[in-house]
Amino acid sequence: MENYSTVSTDTINDLIRINNDRIAGYQKALDELKGKNEFDLETLFAEIIHQSETFKSELQGFTDEPVEDETTMSGKIYRGWMDIKAIFTGHDRKTILSNCEGGEDAAKKAYKEALSEDLPAEVKDVVLEQQAAQMVIHNRIKALRDNA
């Protein structure tokens, strides 16, 4: 692993944390969907969890700092993620998707902020690829929400 600047390491760790937020949020969503016959959402949410785990793994190759289970804190990266304690309970499909879109908006902002930093080329390439993939998910969630 190259020796990246503190700014780069902080940025990478923030992206790892936002992916931890995605994993926790979508896992909670999956738990809340049980018994609601929303198989398309269950499949999508499992896909997003897998994507976030892959993103984390890629990003962790750029840092030695252990942030594996941490989520974002108020401060450098605007969390903006849904309240994973109770947000889905009793909500309909459109509300669930609206809350997911809000979480994806927070991830989108995190990637945009990361790319505004002076990142090493290798890191920037990975972040750009992840940003593009995250936008595909964001747009899928938004389209599903609009059709709900």
N, C-alpha and C. Protein backbone atom coordinates (compact mmCIF):
# COMPACT_ATOMS: atom_id res chain seq x y z
N MET A 1 0.83 -1.18 0.00
CA MET A 1 0.00 0.00 0.00
C MET A 1 0.87 1.24 0.00
N GLU A 2 0.53 2.20 -0.83
CA GLU A 2 1.24 3.45 -0.86
C GLU A 2 0.96 4.24 0.41
N ASN A 3 1.83 5.19 0.71
CA ASN A 3 1.62 6.08 1.84
C ASN A 3 0.81 7.28 1.37
N TYR A 4 -0.48 7.29 1.67
CA TYR A 4 -1.35 8.37 1.25
C TYR A 4 -1.38 9.45 2.32
N SER A 5 -1.69 10.66 1.90
CA SER A 5 -1.75 11.78 2.84
C SER A 5 -2.88 11.57 3.84
N THR A 6 -2.81 12.33 4.93
CA THR A 6 -3.85 12.27 5.95
C THR A 6 -5.20 12.63 5.36
N VAL A 7 -5.24 13.62 4.47
CA VAL A 7 -6.49 14.03 3.83
C VAL A 7 -7.07 12.87 3.04
N SER A 8 -6.22 12.20 2.27
CA SER A 8 -6.68 11.05 1.48
C SER A 8 -7.20 9.94 2.38
N THR A 9 -6.46 9.64 3.45
CA THR A 9 -6.88 8.59 4.37
C THR A 9 -8.20 8.95 5.03
N ASP A 10 -8.37 10.20 5.44
CA ASP A 10 -9.63 10.63 6.05
C ASP A 10 -10.78 10.50 5.05
N THR A 11 -10.54 10.87 3.82
CA THR A 11 -11.56 10.79 2.78
C THR A 11 -11.94 9.34 2.52
N ILE A 12 -10.95 8.48 2.43
CA ILE A 12 -11.20 7.05 2.22
C ILE A 12 -12.02 6.49 3.39
N ASN A 13 -11.62 6.84 4.60
CA ASN A 13 -12.35 6.35 5.78
C ASN A 13 -13.79 6.86 5.80
N ASP A 14 -14.01 8.09 5.36
CA ASP A 14 -15.38 8.61 5.29
C ASP A 14 -16.21 7.80 4.30
N LEU A 15 -15.62 7.42 3.17
CA LEU A 15 -16.35 6.61 2.19
C LEU A 15 -16.63 5.21 2.73
N ILE A 16 -15.68 4.65 3.47
CA ILE A 16 -15.92 3.36 4.10
C ILE A 16 -17.09 3.48 5.07
N ARG A 17 -17.12 4.55 5.85
CA ARG A 17 -18.21 4.75 6.81
C ARG A 17 -19.56 4.93 6.12
N ILE A 18 -19.61 5.66 5.01
CA ILE A 18 -20.90 5.84 4.33
C ILE A 18 -21.37 4.51 3.76
N ASN A 19 -20.43 3.66 3.35
CA ASN A 19 -20.82 2.31 2.89
C ASN A 19 -21.28 1.46 4.06
N ASN A 20 -20.69 1.64 5.24
CA ASN A 20 -21.20 0.97 6.43
C ASN A 20 -22.63 1.43 6.72
N ASP A 21 -22.90 2.72 6.53
CA ASP A 21 -24.25 3.25 6.71
C ASP A 21 -25.22 2.59 5.74
N ARG A 22 -24.79 2.45 4.50
CA ARG A 22 -25.65 1.80 3.50
C ARG A 22 -25.95 0.36 3.90
N ILE A 23 -24.94 -0.37 4.32
CA ILE A 23 -25.13 -1.76 4.73
C ILE A 23 -26.13 -1.83 5.89
N ALA A 24 -25.92 -1.03 6.91
CA ALA A 24 -26.81 -1.04 8.08
C ALA A 24 -28.23 -0.64 7.70
N GLY A 25 -28.36 0.38 6.87
CA GLY A 25 -29.68 0.86 6.47
C GLY A 25 -30.45 -0.17 5.66
N TYR A 26 -29.78 -0.76 4.68
CA TYR A 26 -30.46 -1.73 3.83
C TYR A 26 -30.69 -3.06 4.55
N GLN A 27 -29.83 -3.40 5.50
CA GLN A 27 -30.09 -4.60 6.29
C GLN A 27 -31.34 -4.39 7.14
N LYS A 28 -31.47 -3.20 7.72
CA LYS A 28 -32.68 -2.88 8.49
C LYS A 28 -33.90 -2.92 7.57
N ALA A 29 -33.77 -2.39 6.37
CA ALA A 29 -34.87 -2.41 5.41
C ALA A 29 -35.27 -3.85 5.09
N LEU A 30 -34.30 -4.72 4.87
CA LEU A 30 -34.60 -6.13 4.61
C LEU A 30 -35.35 -6.76 5.78
N ASP A 31 -34.90 -6.46 6.98
CA ASP A 31 -35.56 -7.00 8.16
C ASP A 31 -37.01 -6.54 8.24
N GLU A 32 -37.25 -5.29 7.92
CA GLU A 32 -38.59 -4.72 7.99
C GLU A 32 -39.50 -5.21 6.86
N LEU A 33 -38.93 -5.65 5.74
CA LEU A 33 -39.72 -6.11 4.61
C LEU A 33 -40.20 -7.56 4.76
N LYS A 34 -39.64 -8.28 5.72
CA LYS A 34 -40.02 -9.68 5.88
C LYS A 34 -41.53 -9.80 6.05
N GLY A 35 -42.11 -10.67 5.23
CA GLY A 35 -43.54 -10.92 5.30
C GLY A 35 -44.40 -9.93 4.53
N LYS A 36 -43.78 -8.97 3.84
CA LYS A 36 -44.54 -7.97 3.09
C LYS A 36 -44.61 -8.27 1.60
N ASN A 37 -44.07 -9.39 1.17
CA ASN A 37 -44.11 -9.79 -0.24
C ASN A 37 -43.57 -8.72 -1.19
N GLU A 38 -42.48 -8.13 -0.82
CA GLU A 38 -41.80 -7.12 -1.65
C GLU A 38 -40.50 -7.72 -2.16
N PHE A 39 -40.63 -8.81 -2.91
CA PHE A 39 -39.46 -9.58 -3.33
C PHE A 39 -38.51 -8.78 -4.21
N ASP A 40 -39.03 -7.88 -5.04
CA ASP A 40 -38.15 -7.07 -5.87
C ASP A 40 -37.28 -6.15 -5.02
N LEU A 41 -37.87 -5.58 -3.96
CA LEU A 41 -37.08 -4.72 -3.07
C LEU A 41 -36.09 -5.54 -2.26
N GLU A 42 -36.50 -6.71 -1.80
CA GLU A 42 -35.58 -7.57 -1.06
C GLU A 42 -34.36 -7.91 -1.90
N THR A 43 -34.58 -8.23 -3.16
CA THR A 43 -33.48 -8.55 -4.07
C THR A 43 -32.58 -7.33 -4.28
N LEU A 44 -33.19 -6.18 -4.52
CA LEU A 44 -32.43 -4.94 -4.73
C LEU A 44 -31.63 -4.58 -3.50
N PHE A 45 -32.24 -4.64 -2.32
CA PHE A 45 -31.54 -4.26 -1.10
C PHE A 45 -30.38 -5.20 -0.81
N ALA A 46 -30.55 -6.49 -1.08
CA ALA A 46 -29.45 -7.44 -0.91
C ALA A 46 -28.32 -7.11 -1.88
N GLU A 47 -28.67 -6.71 -3.09
CA GLU A 47 -27.67 -6.31 -4.09
C GLU A 47 -26.89 -5.08 -3.62
N ILE A 48 -27.59 -4.13 -3.02
CA ILE A 48 -26.94 -2.91 -2.54
C ILE A 48 -26.00 -3.23 -1.38
N ILE A 49 -26.43 -4.11 -0.50
CA ILE A 49 -25.55 -4.53 0.61
C ILE A 49 -24.28 -5.15 0.05
N HIS A 50 -24.43 -6.04 -0.92
CA HIS A 50 -23.26 -6.67 -1.54
C HIS A 50 -22.37 -5.61 -2.20
N GLN A 51 -22.97 -4.67 -2.91
CA GLN A 51 -22.21 -3.61 -3.56
C GLN A 51 -21.41 -2.82 -2.51
N SER A 52 -22.06 -2.45 -1.41
CA SER A 52 -21.39 -1.67 -0.38
C SER A 52 -20.25 -2.45 0.27
N GLU A 53 -20.44 -3.75 0.46
CA GLU A 53 -19.36 -4.58 1.01
C GLU A 53 -18.18 -4.63 0.05
N THR A 54 -18.46 -4.71 -1.24
CA THR A 54 -17.40 -4.69 -2.25
C THR A 54 -16.68 -3.35 -2.24
N PHE A 55 -17.44 -2.26 -2.18
CA PHE A 55 -16.84 -0.92 -2.14
C PHE A 55 -15.92 -0.79 -0.93
N LYS A 56 -16.40 -1.23 0.24
CA LYS A 56 -15.58 -1.17 1.45
C LYS A 56 -14.27 -1.91 1.28
N SER A 57 -14.36 -3.11 0.73
CA SER A 57 -13.17 -3.93 0.54
C SER A 57 -12.16 -3.23 -0.37
N GLU A 58 -12.66 -2.65 -1.45
CA GLU A 58 -11.77 -1.91 -2.36
C GLU A 58 -11.11 -0.73 -1.66
N LEU A 59 -11.90 0.01 -0.89
CA LEU A 59 -11.39 1.20 -0.22
C LEU A 59 -10.42 0.86 0.90
N GLN A 60 -10.66 -0.23 1.60
CA GLN A 60 -9.80 -0.60 2.72
C GLN A 60 -8.38 -0.93 2.26
N GLY A 61 -8.22 -1.23 0.99
CA GLY A 61 -6.89 -1.46 0.45
C GLY A 61 -6.03 -0.20 0.40
N PHE A 62 -6.66 0.96 0.60
CA PHE A 62 -5.94 2.23 0.56
C PHE A 62 -5.65 2.81 1.95
N THR A 63 -6.01 2.11 3.00
CA THR A 63 -5.80 2.64 4.34
C THR A 63 -5.42 1.53 5.31
N ASP A 64 -4.61 1.88 6.30
CA ASP A 64 -4.25 0.93 7.36
C ASP A 64 -5.12 1.11 8.59
N GLU A 65 -5.93 2.16 8.61
CA GLU A 65 -6.73 2.46 9.79
C GLU A 65 -7.95 1.54 9.87
N PRO A 66 -8.21 0.98 11.04
CA PRO A 66 -9.38 0.11 11.19
C PRO A 66 -10.67 0.93 11.33
N VAL A 67 -11.51 0.90 10.32
CA VAL A 67 -12.81 1.59 10.38
C VAL A 67 -13.92 0.63 9.95
N GLU A 68 -13.62 -0.65 10.00
CA GLU A 68 -14.48 -1.66 9.40
C GLU A 68 -15.94 -1.56 9.81
N ASP A 69 -16.24 -1.32 11.08
CA ASP A 69 -17.63 -1.31 11.52
C ASP A 69 -18.14 0.07 11.89
N GLU A 70 -17.31 1.10 11.73
CA GLU A 70 -17.73 2.44 12.08
C GLU A 70 -18.68 2.98 11.02
N THR A 71 -19.59 3.84 11.47
CA THR A 71 -20.45 4.57 10.56
C THR A 71 -20.08 6.04 10.66
N THR A 72 -20.68 6.86 9.80
CA THR A 72 -20.31 8.27 9.78
C THR A 72 -20.74 8.98 11.04
N MET A 73 -20.01 10.02 11.39
CA MET A 73 -20.33 10.87 12.52
C MET A 73 -20.74 12.22 11.93
N SER A 74 -21.45 13.03 12.74
CA SER A 74 -21.75 14.37 12.25
C SER A 74 -20.42 15.08 12.11
N GLY A 75 -20.26 15.86 11.09
CA GLY A 75 -19.00 16.52 10.85
C GLY A 75 -18.63 16.49 9.40
N LYS A 76 -17.49 15.85 9.09
CA LYS A 76 -16.90 15.98 7.77
C LYS A 76 -17.82 15.51 6.64
N ILE A 77 -18.45 14.36 6.78
CA ILE A 77 -19.37 13.88 5.75
C ILE A 77 -20.78 13.99 6.31
N TYR A 78 -21.64 14.67 5.57
CA TYR A 78 -23.03 14.81 5.98
C TYR A 78 -23.70 13.45 5.89
N ARG A 79 -24.14 12.97 7.04
CA ARG A 79 -24.68 11.62 7.07
C ARG A 79 -26.02 11.54 6.36
N GLY A 80 -26.98 12.27 6.79
CA GLY A 80 -28.26 12.33 6.10
C GLY A 80 -28.96 11.01 5.88
N TRP A 81 -28.52 9.95 6.51
CA TRP A 81 -29.08 8.62 6.29
C TRP A 81 -30.33 8.46 7.14
N MET A 82 -31.19 7.59 6.74
CA MET A 82 -32.41 7.33 7.48
C MET A 82 -32.14 6.86 8.90
N ASP A 83 -33.06 7.13 9.78
CA ASP A 83 -32.96 6.64 11.15
C ASP A 83 -33.23 5.14 11.11
N ILE A 84 -32.18 4.35 11.26
CA ILE A 84 -32.32 2.91 11.08
C ILE A 84 -32.96 2.23 12.29
N LYS A 85 -33.31 2.97 13.30
CA LYS A 85 -33.96 2.36 14.44
C LYS A 85 -35.42 2.04 14.17
N ALA A 86 -36.11 2.93 13.41
CA ALA A 86 -37.55 2.70 13.28
C ALA A 86 -38.18 3.23 12.00
N ILE A 87 -37.39 3.73 11.08
CA ILE A 87 -37.95 4.46 9.95
C ILE A 87 -38.89 3.63 9.08
N PHE A 88 -38.65 2.30 8.98
CA PHE A 88 -39.45 1.50 8.07
C PHE A 88 -40.72 0.94 8.69
N THR A 89 -40.79 0.89 9.98
CA THR A 89 -41.90 0.23 10.64
C THR A 89 -43.23 0.81 10.20
N GLY A 90 -44.04 -0.02 9.59
CA GLY A 90 -45.38 0.38 9.21
C GLY A 90 -45.49 1.25 7.98
N HIS A 91 -44.41 1.52 7.30
CA HIS A 91 -44.46 2.38 6.13
C HIS A 91 -44.76 1.60 4.86
N ASP A 92 -45.33 2.31 3.92
CA ASP A 92 -45.65 1.69 2.64
C ASP A 92 -44.43 1.71 1.72
N ARG A 93 -44.59 1.08 0.56
CA ARG A 93 -43.51 0.94 -0.41
C ARG A 93 -42.91 2.30 -0.80
N LYS A 94 -43.74 3.28 -1.07
CA LYS A 94 -43.25 4.59 -1.50
C LYS A 94 -42.43 5.26 -0.40
N THR A 95 -42.89 5.15 0.84
CA THR A 95 -42.15 5.74 1.96
C THR A 95 -40.81 5.06 2.14
N ILE A 96 -40.80 3.74 2.05
CA ILE A 96 -39.54 3.00 2.17
C ILE A 96 -38.56 3.46 1.09
N LEU A 97 -39.05 3.55 -0.14
CA LEU A 97 -38.17 3.95 -1.24
C LEU A 97 -37.74 5.41 -1.11
N SER A 98 -38.60 6.27 -0.61
CA SER A 98 -38.22 7.67 -0.38
C SER A 98 -37.09 7.77 0.63
N ASN A 99 -37.20 6.97 1.70
CA ASN A 99 -36.14 6.96 2.71
C ASN A 99 -34.84 6.39 2.16
N CYS A 100 -34.96 5.38 1.32
CA CYS A 100 -33.77 4.82 0.68
C CYS A 100 -33.13 5.85 -0.24
N GLU A 101 -33.95 6.58 -0.96
CA GLU A 101 -33.40 7.62 -1.85
C GLU A 101 -32.65 8.67 -1.03
N GLY A 102 -33.19 9.02 0.13
CA GLY A 102 -32.49 9.96 1.00
C GLY A 102 -31.12 9.45 1.41
N GLY A 103 -31.04 8.17 1.72
CA GLY A 103 -29.75 7.56 2.04
C GLY A 103 -28.81 7.58 0.87
N GLU A 104 -29.34 7.29 -0.31
CA GLU A 104 -28.51 7.32 -1.52
C GLU A 104 -28.05 8.75 -1.84
N ASP A 105 -28.89 9.74 -1.52
CA ASP A 105 -28.47 11.14 -1.69
C ASP A 105 -27.27 11.45 -0.79
N ALA A 106 -27.28 10.92 0.44
CA ALA A 106 -26.15 11.13 1.34
C ALA A 106 -24.89 10.47 0.79
N ALA A 107 -25.03 9.26 0.24
CA ALA A 107 -23.88 8.58 -0.35
C ALA A 107 -23.38 9.36 -1.56
N LYS A 108 -24.31 9.84 -2.38
CA LYS A 108 -23.93 10.63 -3.56
C LYS A 108 -23.12 11.86 -3.14
N LYS A 109 -23.57 12.51 -2.08
CA LYS A 109 -22.86 13.70 -1.59
C LYS A 109 -21.46 13.32 -1.07
N ALA A 110 -21.37 12.20 -0.38
CA ALA A 110 -20.07 11.76 0.14
C ALA A 110 -19.08 11.51 -0.99
N TYR A 111 -19.53 10.87 -2.06
CA TYR A 111 -18.65 10.60 -3.19
C TYR A 111 -18.27 11.90 -3.91
N LYS A 112 -19.20 12.81 -4.03
CA LYS A 112 -18.91 14.10 -4.66
C LYS A 112 -17.86 14.86 -3.84
N GLU A 113 -18.03 14.87 -2.52
CA GLU A 113 -17.06 15.55 -1.65
C GLU A 113 -15.70 14.88 -1.73
N ALA A 114 -15.69 13.56 -1.77
CA ALA A 114 -14.41 12.84 -1.86
C ALA A 114 -13.67 13.22 -3.13
N LEU A 115 -14.42 13.32 -4.22
CA LEU A 115 -13.78 13.65 -5.50
C LEU A 115 -13.34 15.10 -5.60
N SER A 116 -13.79 15.93 -4.68
CA SER A 116 -13.32 17.32 -4.65
C SER A 116 -11.96 17.43 -3.97
N GLU A 117 -11.54 16.35 -3.31
CA GLU A 117 -10.23 16.30 -2.64
C GLU A 117 -9.15 15.97 -3.67
N ASP A 118 -7.92 16.27 -3.29
CA ASP A 118 -6.77 15.95 -4.14
C ASP A 118 -6.35 14.51 -3.84
N LEU A 119 -7.00 13.57 -4.52
CA LEU A 119 -6.74 12.15 -4.28
C LEU A 119 -5.67 11.63 -5.23
N PRO A 120 -4.88 10.67 -4.77
CA PRO A 120 -3.95 10.01 -5.68
C PRO A 120 -4.74 9.36 -6.82
N ALA A 121 -4.12 9.26 -7.99
CA ALA A 121 -4.81 8.77 -9.19
C ALA A 121 -5.45 7.40 -8.98
N GLU A 122 -4.74 6.49 -8.34
CA GLU A 122 -5.25 5.15 -8.11
C GLU A 122 -6.53 5.17 -7.26
N VAL A 123 -6.54 6.00 -6.23
CA VAL A 123 -7.71 6.13 -5.36
C VAL A 123 -8.85 6.81 -6.12
N LYS A 124 -8.52 7.86 -6.84
CA LYS A 124 -9.54 8.60 -7.59
C LYS A 124 -10.24 7.70 -8.60
N ASP A 125 -9.50 6.84 -9.27
CA ASP A 125 -10.08 5.93 -10.25
C ASP A 125 -11.12 5.00 -9.60
N VAL A 126 -10.77 4.45 -8.44
CA VAL A 126 -11.69 3.56 -7.73
C VAL A 126 -12.92 4.35 -7.26
N VAL A 127 -12.71 5.54 -6.72
CA VAL A 127 -13.82 6.36 -6.23
C VAL A 127 -14.75 6.74 -7.39
N LEU A 128 -14.18 7.07 -8.54
CA LEU A 128 -15.02 7.40 -9.70
C LEU A 128 -15.86 6.20 -10.15
N GLU A 129 -15.27 5.02 -10.16
CA GLU A 129 -16.02 3.81 -10.53
C GLU A 129 -17.13 3.54 -9.53
N GLN A 130 -16.83 3.68 -8.25
CA GLN A 130 -17.84 3.45 -7.23
C GLN A 130 -18.95 4.49 -7.32
N GLN A 131 -18.57 5.74 -7.57
CA GLN A 131 -19.57 6.80 -7.69
C GLN A 131 -20.54 6.48 -8.83
N ALA A 132 -20.02 6.05 -9.95
CA ALA A 132 -20.87 5.72 -11.10
C ALA A 132 -21.83 4.58 -10.76
N ALA A 133 -21.33 3.55 -10.09
CA ALA A 133 -22.18 2.41 -9.70
C ALA A 133 -23.22 2.83 -8.67
N GLN A 134 -22.83 3.68 -7.74
CA GLN A 134 -23.77 4.17 -6.73
C GLN A 134 -24.86 5.00 -7.38
N MET A 135 -24.53 5.76 -8.40
CA MET A 135 -25.54 6.57 -9.10
C MET A 135 -26.55 5.69 -9.82
N VAL A 136 -26.11 4.56 -10.34
CA VAL A 136 -27.04 3.63 -10.98
C VAL A 136 -28.07 3.16 -9.95
N ILE A 137 -27.59 2.81 -8.76
CA ILE A 137 -28.51 2.39 -7.69
C ILE A 137 -29.43 3.54 -7.29
N HIS A 138 -28.86 4.72 -7.12
CA HIS A 138 -29.68 5.89 -6.78
C HIS A 138 -30.81 6.07 -7.78
N ASN A 139 -30.48 5.98 -9.05
CA ASN A 139 -31.48 6.20 -10.09
C ASN A 139 -32.53 5.07 -10.11
N ARG A 140 -32.11 3.84 -9.81
CA ARG A 140 -33.08 2.73 -9.72
C ARG A 140 -34.05 2.95 -8.57
N ILE A 141 -33.51 3.35 -7.42
CA ILE A 141 -34.36 3.63 -6.25
C ILE A 141 -35.34 4.75 -6.57
N LYS A 142 -34.85 5.80 -7.20
CA LYS A 142 -35.69 6.96 -7.54
C LYS A 142 -36.79 6.55 -8.50
N ALA A 143 -36.46 5.75 -9.51
CA ALA A 143 -37.47 5.31 -10.48
C ALA A 143 -38.52 4.43 -9.81
N LEU A 144 -38.09 3.54 -8.94
CA LEU A 144 -39.05 2.72 -8.21
C LEU A 144 -39.95 3.57 -7.33
N ARG A 145 -39.36 4.55 -6.69
CA ARG A 145 -40.14 5.45 -5.84
C ARG A 145 -41.17 6.23 -6.67
N ASP A 146 -40.73 6.74 -7.81
CA ASP A 146 -41.62 7.51 -8.67
C ASP A 146 -42.78 6.66 -9.19
N ASN A 147 -42.55 5.35 -9.36
CA ASN A 147 -43.59 4.44 -9.86
C ASN A 147 -44.46 3.86 -8.76
N ALA A 148 -44.07 4.09 -7.50
CA ALA A 148 -44.84 3.51 -6.37
C ALA A 148 -46.14 4.25 -6.15
